[in-house]
Amino acid sequence: FTAYQGFDALFHSIEGYISNKHSIMGDMIQSAAIKNIGKYLARAVKDGNDIEAREHVAYANTMSGYSMVVASCISEHAMDKFNVDGWNMEMIGAEHSKEYFTFWINKHVCDERFVDMAKFLGKEDASKPEDFITALVELQKECGVDNLKMSDYGIKKEDAMKLAKNARATTLRLFNCDPAPTTD
């Protein structure tokens, strides 16, 4: 549960940082949240009695809540939070997040922001947007969520378009905050 909640908080801030609604205030809040998740989440997952780690993850979670007030989540969260046919996507967002953020990196719409976030996650030598994916995957491994697969929950590749269309139909405002236009 700590890992799932930690990644949910992380994604709130990552999304706000690359959304087209980002701001100076949001950047401050999101960088604090991402840094604290990057430094303390794996510790909190490994030892639930590590009060210092839990305190910093709780702080990051709170900052990520503020992130949604001063910026916005984007289409990643539309899919992540969506519940269709009994599937709760929030619990399996770690798998699709790598591909989702790679999509934006390949579009080069916010390269410097991805480099920033790689550094926030602890990859101090980050110099290219792809370093963010490396840092994200490393954190997923450290927290034991790197092997989660959507197929383990009964979701098939052919279900992807249905999920995308349903998410867009019910949470279009999040798609409108993407760093650039997307299609289903």
Protein backbone atom coordinates (compact mmCIF):
# COMPACT_ATOMS: atom_id res chain seq x y z
CA PHE A 1 0.00 0.00 0.00
CA THR A 2 2.85 2.39 0.80
CA ALA A 3 4.36 1.86 -2.65
CA TYR A 4 1.03 2.31 -4.44
CA GLN A 5 0.20 5.46 -2.51
CA GLY A 6 3.70 6.81 -2.99
CA PHE A 7 3.55 6.35 -6.75
CA ASP A 8 0.10 7.89 -6.90
CA ALA A 9 1.48 10.97 -5.12
CA LEU A 10 4.53 10.98 -7.37
CA PHE A 11 2.40 10.90 -10.51
CA HIS A 12 0.27 13.82 -9.28
CA SER A 13 3.39 15.95 -9.11
CA ILE A 14 5.05 14.63 -12.26
CA GLU A 15 1.89 15.31 -14.21
CA GLY A 16 1.53 18.80 -12.77
CA TYR A 17 5.15 19.56 -13.61
CA ILE A 18 4.68 18.72 -17.31
CA SER A 19 1.08 19.89 -17.67
CA ASN A 20 0.29 22.94 -19.74
CA LYS A 21 -1.03 24.45 -16.47
CA HIS A 22 2.37 24.48 -14.72
CA SER A 23 3.37 27.60 -12.80
CA ILE A 24 6.11 28.92 -10.56
CA MET A 25 4.15 27.91 -7.45
CA GLY A 26 3.42 24.48 -8.90
CA ASP A 27 7.07 23.96 -9.85
CA MET A 28 8.11 24.63 -6.24
CA ILE A 29 5.51 22.28 -4.78
CA GLN A 30 6.06 19.53 -7.35
CA SER A 31 9.84 19.56 -7.11
CA ALA A 32 9.60 19.21 -3.31
CA ALA A 33 7.20 16.29 -3.64
CA ILE A 34 9.23 14.49 -6.33
CA LYS A 35 12.49 14.94 -4.38
CA ASN A 36 10.96 13.55 -1.19
CA ILE A 37 9.40 10.56 -2.97
CA GLY A 38 12.69 9.89 -4.76
CA LYS A 39 14.71 9.98 -1.57
CA TYR A 40 12.34 8.34 0.92
CA LEU A 41 9.70 6.14 -0.73
CA ALA A 42 11.87 3.02 -1.11
CA ARG A 43 12.97 3.36 2.52
CA ALA A 44 9.35 3.63 3.69
CA VAL A 45 8.36 0.60 1.61
CA LYS A 46 11.25 -1.50 2.95
CA ASP A 47 10.70 -0.53 6.59
CA GLY A 48 7.25 0.64 7.62
CA ASN A 49 8.68 1.64 11.00
CA ASP A 50 11.11 4.13 9.46
CA ILE A 51 9.33 7.20 10.80
CA GLU A 52 11.64 9.68 9.05
CA ALA A 53 10.94 8.07 5.67
CA ARG A 54 7.20 7.88 6.33
CA GLU A 55 7.14 11.53 7.42
CA HIS A 56 8.81 12.63 4.18
CA VAL A 57 6.50 10.47 2.06
CA ALA A 58 3.49 11.93 3.90
CA TYR A 59 4.86 15.42 3.24
CA ALA A 60 5.31 14.57 -0.46
CA ASN A 61 1.77 13.19 -0.57
CA THR A 62 0.45 16.45 0.87
CA MET A 63 2.50 18.53 -1.57
CA SER A 64 1.16 16.39 -4.42
CA GLY A 65 -2.36 17.21 -3.27
CA TYR A 66 -1.47 20.90 -3.45
CA SER A 67 -0.06 20.25 -6.91
CA MET A 68 -3.53 19.40 -8.15
CA VAL A 69 -4.77 22.76 -6.84
CA VAL A 70 -2.10 24.97 -8.42
CA ALA A 71 -1.63 22.94 -11.64
CA SER A 72 -3.44 19.88 -12.93
CA CYS A 73 -3.05 16.21 -13.53
CA ILE A 74 -3.01 15.13 -17.17
CA SER A 75 -4.30 12.22 -19.23
CA GLU A 76 -2.07 9.73 -17.39
CA HIS A 77 -4.26 10.17 -14.35
CA ALA A 78 -7.41 9.91 -16.43
CA MET A 79 -6.32 6.35 -17.23
CA ASP A 80 -4.73 5.74 -13.83
CA LYS A 81 -7.87 6.59 -11.87
CA PHE A 82 -10.38 5.15 -14.27
CA ASN A 83 -12.48 2.17 -13.22
CA VAL A 84 -14.05 0.25 -16.07
CA ASP A 85 -15.62 -3.19 -15.95
CA GLY A 86 -14.29 -3.62 -12.41
CA TRP A 87 -10.67 -2.71 -13.23
CA ASN A 88 -9.13 -0.22 -10.84
CA MET A 89 -6.35 1.31 -12.90
CA GLU A 90 -4.87 3.18 -9.93
CA MET A 91 -3.34 0.01 -8.57
CA ILE A 92 -1.61 -0.90 -11.82
CA GLY A 93 -0.41 2.48 -13.03
CA ALA A 94 3.27 1.65 -12.53
CA GLU A 95 3.38 -0.49 -15.67
CA HIS A 96 1.76 1.93 -18.06
CA SER A 97 3.57 4.97 -16.61
CA LYS A 98 6.89 4.05 -18.24
CA GLU A 99 5.27 3.86 -21.67
CA TYR A 100 3.13 6.90 -21.05
CA PHE A 101 6.02 9.19 -20.12
CA THR A 102 8.17 7.75 -22.92
CA PHE A 103 5.42 8.91 -25.28
CA TRP A 104 5.91 12.52 -24.13
CA ILE A 105 9.70 12.24 -24.16
CA ASN A 106 9.55 11.07 -27.78
CA LYS A 107 7.41 14.13 -28.64
CA HIS A 108 10.06 16.47 -27.13
CA VAL A 109 7.41 18.83 -25.76
CA CYS A 110 9.04 19.34 -22.35
CA ASP A 111 12.55 17.85 -22.48
CA GLU A 112 14.08 20.13 -19.83
CA ARG A 113 11.28 19.33 -17.40
CA PHE A 114 11.99 15.60 -17.76
CA VAL A 115 15.70 16.25 -17.09
CA ASP A 116 14.71 18.27 -14.02
CA MET A 117 12.51 15.45 -12.75
CA ALA A 118 15.26 12.86 -13.25
CA LYS A 119 17.46 15.03 -11.03
CA PHE A 120 14.63 15.44 -8.50
CA LEU A 121 14.40 11.63 -8.31
CA GLY A 122 18.11 11.48 -7.47
CA LYS A 123 19.78 11.00 -10.85
CA GLU A 124 22.07 14.00 -10.39
CA ASP A 125 23.97 13.40 -13.63
CA ALA A 126 20.80 13.53 -15.75
CA SER A 127 21.34 15.30 -19.04
CA LYS A 128 18.64 13.94 -21.36
CA PRO A 129 14.90 13.36 -20.96
CA GLU A 130 15.31 9.56 -21.10
CA ASP A 131 17.19 9.77 -17.80
CA PHE A 132 13.81 10.37 -16.19
CA ILE A 133 12.60 6.94 -17.36
CA THR A 134 15.77 5.37 -15.95
CA ALA A 135 15.18 7.06 -12.59
CA LEU A 136 11.48 6.13 -12.57
CA VAL A 137 12.15 2.45 -13.37
CA GLU A 138 14.89 2.33 -10.74
CA LEU A 139 12.47 3.64 -8.10
CA GLN A 140 9.83 1.13 -9.20
CA LYS A 141 12.39 -1.67 -8.76
CA GLU A 142 13.46 -0.38 -5.35
CA CYS A 143 9.81 -0.37 -4.26
CA GLY A 144 9.01 -3.81 -5.70
CA VAL A 145 6.37 -2.64 -8.18
CA ASP A 146 8.39 -3.02 -11.37
CA ASN A 147 6.89 -6.41 -12.22
CA LEU A 148 3.23 -5.37 -12.04
CA LYS A 149 1.53 -6.06 -15.34
CA MET A 150 -1.91 -4.97 -16.45
CA SER A 151 -2.41 -8.46 -17.93
CA ASP A 152 -2.10 -9.90 -14.41
CA TYR A 153 -5.37 -8.12 -13.68
CA GLY A 154 -7.16 -9.48 -16.72
CA ILE A 155 -6.60 -6.47 -18.95
CA LYS A 156 -5.81 -7.40 -22.54
CA LYS A 157 -4.09 -5.33 -25.21
CA GLU A 158 -7.33 -5.23 -27.18
CA ASP A 159 -8.97 -3.49 -24.18
CA ALA A 160 -6.64 -0.47 -24.47
CA MET A 161 -8.76 1.52 -26.90
CA LYS A 162 -11.91 0.99 -24.82
CA LEU A 163 -10.06 2.24 -21.73
CA ALA A 164 -8.70 5.26 -23.61
CA LYS A 165 -12.07 6.22 -25.06
CA ASN A 166 -13.83 5.83 -21.71
CA ALA A 167 -11.17 7.87 -19.92
CA ARG A 168 -11.35 10.66 -22.50
CA ALA A 169 -15.17 10.69 -22.43
CA THR A 170 -15.33 11.04 -18.64
CA THR A 171 -12.23 13.13 -17.86
CA LEU A 172 -11.61 15.26 -20.96
CA ARG A 173 -10.43 18.16 -18.79
CA LEU A 174 -7.31 16.14 -17.88
CA PHE A 175 -6.54 15.45 -21.55
CA ASN A 176 -6.86 19.20 -22.16
CA CYS A 177 -4.00 19.77 -19.68
CA ASP A 178 -1.56 17.49 -21.55
CA PRO A 179 1.65 19.20 -22.64
CA ALA A 180 0.50 18.78 -26.27
CA PRO A 181 -2.64 17.41 -27.97
CA THR A 182 -3.11 13.63 -28.02
CA THR A 183 -5.37 11.17 -29.74
CA ASP A 184 -6.97 8.04 -28.34
